[in-house]
Full PDB file with SEQRES, HELIX, SHEET, SSBOND, CRYST1, ORIGX, SCALE, CONECT and MASTER records, all heavy atoms in Angstrom:
SEQRES   1 A   29  LEU LEU LEU PRO SER LEU LEU THR ILE ALA MET SER ARG          
SEQRES   2 A   29  LEU ASP PHE ALA ASP ARG GLY ARG GLY THR GLY LEU TRP          
SEQRES   3 A   29  THR ALA SER                                                  
HELIX    1 AA1 LEU A    2  SER A   12  1                                  11    
HELIX    2 AA2 PHE A   16  ASP A   18  5                                   3    
HELIX    3 AA3 ARG A   19  ALA A   28  1                                  10    
CRYST1    1.000    1.000    1.000  90.00  90.00  90.00 P 1           1          
ORIGX1      1.000000  0.000000  0.000000        0.00000                         
ORIGX2      0.000000  1.000000  0.000000        0.00000                         
ORIGX3      0.000000  0.000000  1.000000        0.00000                         
SCALE1      1.000000  0.000000  0.000000        0.00000                         
SCALE2      0.000000  1.000000  0.000000        0.00000                         
SCALE3      0.000000  0.000000  1.000000        0.00000                         
ATOM      1  N   LEU A   1      14.939 -30.425 -11.069  1.00  0.00           N  
ATOM      2  CA  LEU A   1      14.563 -29.293 -10.222  1.00  0.00           C  
ATOM      3  C   LEU A   1      13.061 -29.052 -10.247  1.00  0.00           C  
ATOM      4  O   LEU A   1      12.482 -28.572  -9.276  1.00  0.00           O  
ATOM      5  CB  LEU A   1      15.296 -28.030 -10.679  1.00  0.00           C  
ATOM      6  CG  LEU A   1      16.810 -28.042 -10.526  1.00  0.00           C  
ATOM      7  CD1 LEU A   1      17.426 -26.817 -11.195  1.00  0.00           C  
ATOM      8  CD2 LEU A   1      17.188 -28.100  -9.065  1.00  0.00           C  
ATOM      9  N   LEU A   2      12.435 -29.401 -11.361  1.00  0.00           N  
ATOM     10  CA  LEU A   2      10.999 -29.161 -11.518  1.00  0.00           C  
ATOM     11  C   LEU A   2      10.158 -30.040 -10.599  1.00  0.00           C  
ATOM     12  O   LEU A   2       9.229 -29.549  -9.940  1.00  0.00           O  
ATOM     13  CB  LEU A   2      10.598 -29.397 -12.975  1.00  0.00           C  
ATOM     14  CG  LEU A   2       9.132 -29.193 -13.324  1.00  0.00           C  
ATOM     15  CD1 LEU A   2       8.756 -27.736 -13.135  1.00  0.00           C  
ATOM     16  CD2 LEU A   2       8.883 -29.623 -14.750  1.00  0.00           C  
ATOM     17  N   LEU A   3      10.468 -31.312 -10.541  1.00  0.00           N  
ATOM     18  CA  LEU A   3       9.627 -32.228  -9.770  1.00  0.00           C  
ATOM     19  C   LEU A   3       9.574 -31.887  -8.279  1.00  0.00           C  
ATOM     20  O   LEU A   3       8.482 -31.762  -7.722  1.00  0.00           O  
ATOM     21  CB  LEU A   3      10.070 -33.669 -10.000  1.00  0.00           C  
ATOM     22  CG  LEU A   3       9.874 -34.151 -11.437  1.00  0.00           C  
ATOM     23  CD1 LEU A   3      10.437 -35.550 -11.607  1.00  0.00           C  
ATOM     24  CD2 LEU A   3       8.429 -34.102 -11.833  1.00  0.00           C  
ATOM     25  N   PRO A   4      10.703 -31.699  -7.596  1.00  0.00           N  
ATOM     26  CA  PRO A   4      10.581 -31.332  -6.182  1.00  0.00           C  
ATOM     27  C   PRO A   4       9.991 -29.934  -5.987  1.00  0.00           C  
ATOM     28  O   PRO A   4       9.326 -29.680  -4.979  1.00  0.00           O  
ATOM     29  CB  PRO A   4      12.007 -31.425  -5.640  1.00  0.00           C  
ATOM     30  CG  PRO A   4      12.892 -31.412  -6.819  1.00  0.00           C  
ATOM     31  CD  PRO A   4      12.092 -31.940  -7.973  1.00  0.00           C  
ATOM     32  N   SER A   5      10.193 -29.049  -6.956  1.00  0.00           N  
ATOM     33  CA  SER A   5       9.596 -27.717  -6.856  1.00  0.00           C  
ATOM     34  C   SER A   5       8.074 -27.801  -6.891  1.00  0.00           C  
ATOM     35  O   SER A   5       7.384 -27.197  -6.068  1.00  0.00           O  
ATOM     36  CB  SER A   5      10.091 -26.814  -7.988  1.00  0.00           C  
ATOM     37  OG  SER A   5      11.466 -26.603  -7.901  1.00  0.00           O  
ATOM     38  N   LEU A   6       7.559 -28.561  -7.860  1.00  0.00           N  
ATOM     39  CA  LEU A   6       6.100 -28.707  -7.961  1.00  0.00           C  
ATOM     40  C   LEU A   6       5.523 -29.415  -6.748  1.00  0.00           C  
ATOM     41  O   LEU A   6       4.458 -29.043  -6.245  1.00  0.00           O  
ATOM     42  CB  LEU A   6       5.736 -29.460  -9.245  1.00  0.00           C  
ATOM     43  CG  LEU A   6       5.988 -28.715 -10.547  1.00  0.00           C  
ATOM     44  CD1 LEU A   6       5.708 -29.618 -11.733  1.00  0.00           C  
ATOM     45  CD2 LEU A   6       5.149 -27.455 -10.626  1.00  0.00           C  
ATOM     46  N   LEU A   7       6.216 -30.425  -6.254  1.00  0.00           N  
ATOM     47  CA  LEU A   7       5.739 -31.136  -5.064  1.00  0.00           C  
ATOM     48  C   LEU A   7       5.748 -30.218  -3.848  1.00  0.00           C  
ATOM     49  O   LEU A   7       4.791 -30.211  -3.068  1.00  0.00           O  
ATOM     50  CB  LEU A   7       6.593 -32.376  -4.808  1.00  0.00           C  
ATOM     51  CG  LEU A   7       6.180 -33.233  -3.607  1.00  0.00           C  
ATOM     52  CD1 LEU A   7       4.761 -33.753  -3.774  1.00  0.00           C  
ATOM     53  CD2 LEU A   7       7.151 -34.385  -3.428  1.00  0.00           C  
ATOM     54  N   THR A   8       6.773 -29.418  -3.699  1.00  0.00           N  
ATOM     55  CA  THR A   8       6.851 -28.484  -2.577  1.00  0.00           C  
ATOM     56  C   THR A   8       5.722 -27.467  -2.642  1.00  0.00           C  
ATOM     57  O   THR A   8       5.079 -27.171  -1.627  1.00  0.00           O  
ATOM     58  CB  THR A   8       8.216 -27.765  -2.576  1.00  0.00           C  
ATOM     59  OG1 THR A   8       9.242 -28.741  -2.461  1.00  0.00           O  
ATOM     60  CG2 THR A   8       8.327 -26.777  -1.441  1.00  0.00           C  
ATOM     61  N   ILE A   9       5.462 -26.944  -3.835  1.00  0.00           N  
ATOM     62  CA  ILE A   9       4.375 -25.976  -4.000  1.00  0.00           C  
ATOM     63  C   ILE A   9       3.032 -26.627  -3.674  1.00  0.00           C  
ATOM     64  O   ILE A   9       2.197 -26.063  -2.958  1.00  0.00           O  
ATOM     65  CB  ILE A   9       4.380 -25.395  -5.421  1.00  0.00           C  
ATOM     66  CG1 ILE A   9       5.602 -24.508  -5.617  1.00  0.00           C  
ATOM     67  CG2 ILE A   9       3.107 -24.614  -5.705  1.00  0.00           C  
ATOM     68  CD1 ILE A   9       5.861 -24.132  -7.061  1.00  0.00           C  
ATOM     69  N   ALA A  10       2.821 -27.833  -4.186  1.00  0.00           N  
ATOM     70  CA  ALA A  10       1.551 -28.521  -3.941  1.00  0.00           C  
ATOM     71  C   ALA A  10       1.351 -28.809  -2.456  1.00  0.00           C  
ATOM     72  O   ALA A  10       0.266 -28.598  -1.911  1.00  0.00           O  
ATOM     73  CB  ALA A  10       1.494 -29.818  -4.745  1.00  0.00           C  
ATOM     74  N   MET A  11       2.383 -29.279  -1.783  1.00  0.00           N  
ATOM     75  CA  MET A  11       2.255 -29.631  -0.368  1.00  0.00           C  
ATOM     76  C   MET A  11       2.112 -28.400   0.516  1.00  0.00           C  
ATOM     77  O   MET A  11       1.452 -28.452   1.551  1.00  0.00           O  
ATOM     78  CB  MET A  11       3.448 -30.464   0.107  1.00  0.00           C  
ATOM     79  CG  MET A  11       3.533 -31.840  -0.517  1.00  0.00           C  
ATOM     80  SD  MET A  11       2.051 -32.834  -0.297  1.00  0.00           S  
ATOM     81  CE  MET A  11       1.375 -32.795  -1.947  1.00  0.00           C  
ATOM     82  N   SER A  12       2.685 -27.284   0.097  1.00  0.00           N  
ATOM     83  CA  SER A  12       2.592 -26.071   0.913  1.00  0.00           C  
ATOM     84  C   SER A  12       1.168 -25.522   0.947  1.00  0.00           C  
ATOM     85  O   SER A  12       0.828 -24.757   1.845  1.00  0.00           O  
ATOM     86  CB  SER A  12       3.546 -24.999   0.390  1.00  0.00           C  
ATOM     87  OG  SER A  12       3.108 -24.490  -0.852  1.00  0.00           O  
ATOM     88  N   ARG A  13       0.344 -25.926   0.016  1.00  0.00           N  
ATOM     89  CA  ARG A  13      -1.043 -25.453  -0.035  1.00  0.00           C  
ATOM     90  C   ARG A  13      -2.012 -26.355   0.717  1.00  0.00           C  
ATOM     91  O   ARG A  13      -3.206 -26.059   0.777  1.00  0.00           O  
ATOM     92  CB  ARG A  13      -1.481 -25.314  -1.487  1.00  0.00           C  
ATOM     93  CG  ARG A  13      -0.685 -24.240  -2.197  1.00  0.00           C  
ATOM     94  CD  ARG A  13      -1.085 -24.083  -3.613  1.00  0.00           C  
ATOM     95  NE  ARG A  13      -0.273 -23.010  -4.202  1.00  0.00           N  
ATOM     96  CZ  ARG A  13      -0.317 -22.672  -5.453  1.00  0.00           C  
ATOM     97  NH1 ARG A  13      -1.131 -23.297  -6.277  1.00  0.00           N  
ATOM     98  NH2 ARG A  13       0.439 -21.706  -5.915  1.00  0.00           N  
ATOM     99  N   LEU A  14      -1.495 -27.451   1.262  1.00  0.00           N  
ATOM    100  CA  LEU A  14      -2.345 -28.387   1.995  1.00  0.00           C  
ATOM    101  C   LEU A  14      -2.118 -28.254   3.497  1.00  0.00           C  
ATOM    102  O   LEU A  14      -1.023 -27.919   3.942  1.00  0.00           O  
ATOM    103  CB  LEU A  14      -2.038 -29.824   1.580  1.00  0.00           C  
ATOM    104  CG  LEU A  14      -2.342 -30.212   0.141  1.00  0.00           C  
ATOM    105  CD1 LEU A  14      -1.889 -31.639  -0.127  1.00  0.00           C  
ATOM    106  CD2 LEU A  14      -3.828 -30.066  -0.155  1.00  0.00           C  
ATOM    107  N   ASP A  15      -3.166 -28.535   4.257  1.00  0.00           N  
ATOM    108  CA  ASP A  15      -3.007 -28.612   5.708  1.00  0.00           C  
ATOM    109  C   ASP A  15      -2.111 -29.796   6.034  1.00  0.00           C  
ATOM    110  O   ASP A  15      -2.031 -30.771   5.280  1.00  0.00           O  
ATOM    111  CB  ASP A  15      -4.367 -28.805   6.385  1.00  0.00           C  
ATOM    112  CG  ASP A  15      -5.257 -27.578   6.255  1.00  0.00           C  
ATOM    113  OD1 ASP A  15      -4.705 -26.463   6.166  1.00  0.00           O  
ATOM    114  OD2 ASP A  15      -6.489 -27.746   6.241  1.00  0.00           O  
ATOM    115  N   PHE A  16      -1.474 -29.730   7.196  1.00  0.00           N  
ATOM    116  CA  PHE A  16      -0.548 -30.784   7.591  1.00  0.00           C  
ATOM    117  C   PHE A  16      -1.217 -32.156   7.579  1.00  0.00           C  
ATOM    118  O   PHE A  16      -0.638 -33.136   7.122  1.00  0.00           O  
ATOM    119  CB  PHE A  16       0.024 -30.483   8.986  1.00  0.00           C  
ATOM    120  CG  PHE A  16       1.041 -31.472   9.420  1.00  0.00           C  
ATOM    121  CD1 PHE A  16       2.326 -31.439   8.901  1.00  0.00           C  
ATOM    122  CD2 PHE A  16       0.723 -32.457  10.345  1.00  0.00           C  
ATOM    123  CE1 PHE A  16       3.276 -32.361   9.298  1.00  0.00           C  
ATOM    124  CE2 PHE A  16       1.668 -33.390  10.741  1.00  0.00           C  
ATOM    125  CZ  PHE A  16       2.946 -33.343  10.221  1.00  0.00           C  
ATOM    126  N   ALA A  17      -2.461 -32.230   8.043  1.00  0.00           N  
ATOM    127  CA  ALA A  17      -3.171 -33.509   8.128  1.00  0.00           C  
ATOM    128  C   ALA A  17      -3.474 -34.107   6.751  1.00  0.00           C  
ATOM    129  O   ALA A  17      -3.674 -35.309   6.631  1.00  0.00           O  
ATOM    130  CB  ALA A  17      -4.472 -33.331   8.905  1.00  0.00           C  
ATOM    131  N   ASP A  18      -3.486 -33.284   5.721  1.00  0.00           N  
ATOM    132  CA  ASP A  18      -3.819 -33.751   4.372  1.00  0.00           C  
ATOM    133  C   ASP A  18      -2.601 -34.004   3.491  1.00  0.00           C  
ATOM    134  O   ASP A  18      -2.739 -34.426   2.349  1.00  0.00           O  
ATOM    135  CB  ASP A  18      -4.724 -32.730   3.674  1.00  0.00           C  
ATOM    136  CG  ASP A  18      -6.062 -32.599   4.360  1.00  0.00           C  
ATOM    137  OD1 ASP A  18      -6.549 -33.610   4.890  1.00  0.00           O  
ATOM    138  OD2 ASP A  18      -6.605 -31.476   4.373  1.00  0.00           O  
ATOM    139  N   ARG A  19      -1.416 -33.774   3.997  1.00  0.00           N  
ATOM    140  CA  ARG A  19      -0.220 -33.872   3.153  1.00  0.00           C  
ATOM    141  C   ARG A  19       0.114 -35.298   2.738  1.00  0.00           C  
ATOM    142  O   ARG A  19       0.621 -35.512   1.647  1.00  0.00           O  
ATOM    143  CB  ARG A  19       0.968 -33.217   3.839  1.00  0.00           C  
ATOM    144  CG  ARG A  19       0.811 -31.716   3.848  1.00  0.00           C  
ATOM    145  CD  ARG A  19       2.018 -31.017   4.369  1.00  0.00           C  
ATOM    146  NE  ARG A  19       1.737 -29.577   4.397  1.00  0.00           N  
ATOM    147  CZ  ARG A  19       2.516 -28.700   4.952  1.00  0.00           C  
ATOM    148  NH1 ARG A  19       3.635 -29.087   5.535  1.00  0.00           N  
ATOM    149  NH2 ARG A  19       2.201 -27.431   4.929  1.00  0.00           N  
ATOM    150  N   GLY A  20      -0.174 -36.268   3.558  1.00  0.00           N  
ATOM    151  CA  GLY A  20       0.082 -37.658   3.173  1.00  0.00           C  
ATOM    152  C   GLY A  20      -0.778 -38.060   1.986  1.00  0.00           C  
ATOM    153  O   GLY A  20      -0.290 -38.638   1.007  1.00  0.00           O  
ATOM    154  N   ARG A  21      -2.058 -37.750   2.061  1.00  0.00           N  
ATOM    155  CA  ARG A  21      -2.976 -38.046   0.956  1.00  0.00           C  
ATOM    156  C   ARG A  21      -2.594 -37.233  -0.276  1.00  0.00           C  
ATOM    157  O   ARG A  21      -2.607 -37.734  -1.402  1.00  0.00           O  
ATOM    158  CB  ARG A  21      -4.413 -37.718   1.374  1.00  0.00           C  
ATOM    159  CG  ARG A  21      -5.448 -38.181   0.392  1.00  0.00           C  
ATOM    160  CD  ARG A  21      -6.887 -37.953   0.866  1.00  0.00           C  
ATOM    161  NE  ARG A  21      -7.115 -38.403   2.222  1.00  0.00           N  
ATOM    162  CZ  ARG A  21      -7.409 -37.589   3.260  1.00  0.00           C  
ATOM    163  NH1 ARG A  21      -7.499 -36.289   3.066  1.00  0.00           N  
ATOM    164  NH2 ARG A  21      -7.608 -38.067   4.453  1.00  0.00           N  
ATOM    165  N   GLY A  22      -2.225 -35.981  -0.081  1.00  0.00           N  
ATOM    166  CA  GLY A  22      -1.805 -35.130  -1.200  1.00  0.00           C  
ATOM    167  C   GLY A  22      -0.560 -35.655  -1.888  1.00  0.00           C  
ATOM    168  O   GLY A  22      -0.471 -35.640  -3.118  1.00  0.00           O  
ATOM    169  N   THR A  23       0.387 -36.151  -1.094  1.00  0.00           N  
ATOM    170  CA  THR A  23       1.603 -36.722  -1.676  1.00  0.00           C  
ATOM    171  C   THR A  23       1.276 -37.961  -2.497  1.00  0.00           C  
ATOM    172  O   THR A  23       1.817 -38.170  -3.584  1.00  0.00           O  
ATOM    173  CB  THR A  23       2.625 -37.070  -0.574  1.00  0.00           C  
ATOM    174  OG1 THR A  23       2.908 -35.890   0.173  1.00  0.00           O  
ATOM    175  CG2 THR A  23       3.903 -37.621  -1.158  1.00  0.00           C  
ATOM    176  N   GLY A  24       0.357 -38.786  -1.993  1.00  0.00           N  
ATOM    177  CA  GLY A  24      -0.054 -39.977  -2.738  1.00  0.00           C  
ATOM    178  C   GLY A  24      -0.732 -39.619  -4.049  1.00  0.00           C  
ATOM    179  O   GLY A  24      -0.446 -40.229  -5.086  1.00  0.00           O  
ATOM    180  N   LEU A  25      -1.622 -38.625  -4.013  1.00  0.00           N  
ATOM    181  CA  LEU A  25      -2.285 -38.198  -5.247  1.00  0.00           C  
ATOM    182  C   LEU A  25      -1.289 -37.580  -6.229  1.00  0.00           C  
ATOM    183  O   LEU A  25      -1.368 -37.820  -7.438  1.00  0.00           O  
ATOM    184  CB  LEU A  25      -3.400 -37.196  -4.921  1.00  0.00           C  
ATOM    185  CG  LEU A  25      -4.622 -37.777  -4.226  1.00  0.00           C  
ATOM    186  CD1 LEU A  25      -5.541 -36.662  -3.745  1.00  0.00           C  
ATOM    187  CD2 LEU A  25      -5.362 -38.718  -5.150  1.00  0.00           C  
ATOM    188  N   TRP A  26      -0.352 -36.809  -5.710  1.00  0.00           N  
ATOM    189  CA  TRP A  26       0.661 -36.210  -6.578  1.00  0.00           C  
ATOM    190  C   TRP A  26       1.513 -37.297  -7.226  1.00  0.00           C  
ATOM    191  O   TRP A  26       1.784 -37.251  -8.428  1.00  0.00           O  
ATOM    192  CB  TRP A  26       1.545 -35.249  -5.764  1.00  0.00           C  
ATOM    193  CG  TRP A  26       2.429 -34.416  -6.614  1.00  0.00           C  
ATOM    194  CD1 TRP A  26       2.156 -33.166  -7.086  1.00  0.00           C  
ATOM    195  CD2 TRP A  26       3.722 -34.750  -7.124  1.00  0.00           C  
ATOM    196  NE1 TRP A  26       3.201 -32.713  -7.856  1.00  0.00           N  
ATOM    197  CE2 TRP A  26       4.186 -33.668  -7.891  1.00  0.00           C  
ATOM    198  CE3 TRP A  26       4.540 -35.866  -7.006  1.00  0.00           C  
ATOM    199  CZ2 TRP A  26       5.408 -33.666  -8.527  1.00  0.00           C  
ATOM    200  CZ3 TRP A  26       5.765 -35.863  -7.648  1.00  0.00           C  
ATOM    201  CH2 TRP A  26       6.185 -34.769  -8.395  1.00  0.00           C  
ATOM    202  N   THR A  27       1.913 -38.288  -6.442  1.00  0.00           N  
ATOM    203  CA  THR A  27       2.727 -39.383  -6.967  1.00  0.00           C  
ATOM    204  C   THR A  27       1.960 -40.181  -8.017  1.00  0.00           C  
ATOM    205  O   THR A  27       2.506 -40.536  -9.064  1.00  0.00           O  
ATOM    206  CB  THR A  27       3.197 -40.303  -5.825  1.00  0.00           C  
ATOM    207  OG1 THR A  27       3.923 -39.512  -4.874  1.00  0.00           O  
ATOM    208  CG2 THR A  27       4.094 -41.410  -6.329  1.00  0.00           C  
ATOM    209  N   ALA A  28       0.686 -40.447  -7.751  1.00  0.00           N  
ATOM    210  CA  ALA A  28      -0.134 -41.168  -8.725  1.00  0.00           C  
ATOM    211  C   ALA A  28      -0.252 -40.371 -10.024  1.00  0.00           C  
ATOM    212  O   ALA A  28      -0.113 -40.929 -11.121  1.00  0.00           O  
ATOM    213  CB  ALA A  28      -1.515 -41.444  -8.141  1.00  0.00           C  
ATOM    214  N   SER A  29      -0.458 -39.073  -9.907  1.00  0.00           N  
ATOM    215  CA  SER A  29      -0.555 -38.223 -11.097  1.00  0.00           C  
ATOM    216  C   SER A  29       0.753 -38.213 -11.868  1.00  0.00           C  
ATOM    217  O   SER A  29       0.772 -38.266 -13.096  1.00  0.00           O  
ATOM    218  CB  SER A  29      -0.917 -36.792 -10.698  1.00  0.00           C  
ATOM    219  OG  SER A  29      -2.155 -36.758 -10.055  1.00  0.00           O  
TER     220      SER A  29                                                      
MASTER        0    0    0    3    0    0    0    6  219    1    0    3          
END                                                                             
C-alpha cells in the first residue's frame, strides 16, 4: 500500500508534462 501511495503523492505534485520524467526518477530512486 505504501509504494503506490507514495508514487501517487509524488505524481500529483508534478505538472502533467513532467510526470513521465518524475515516474522515471521515482522508479530509479
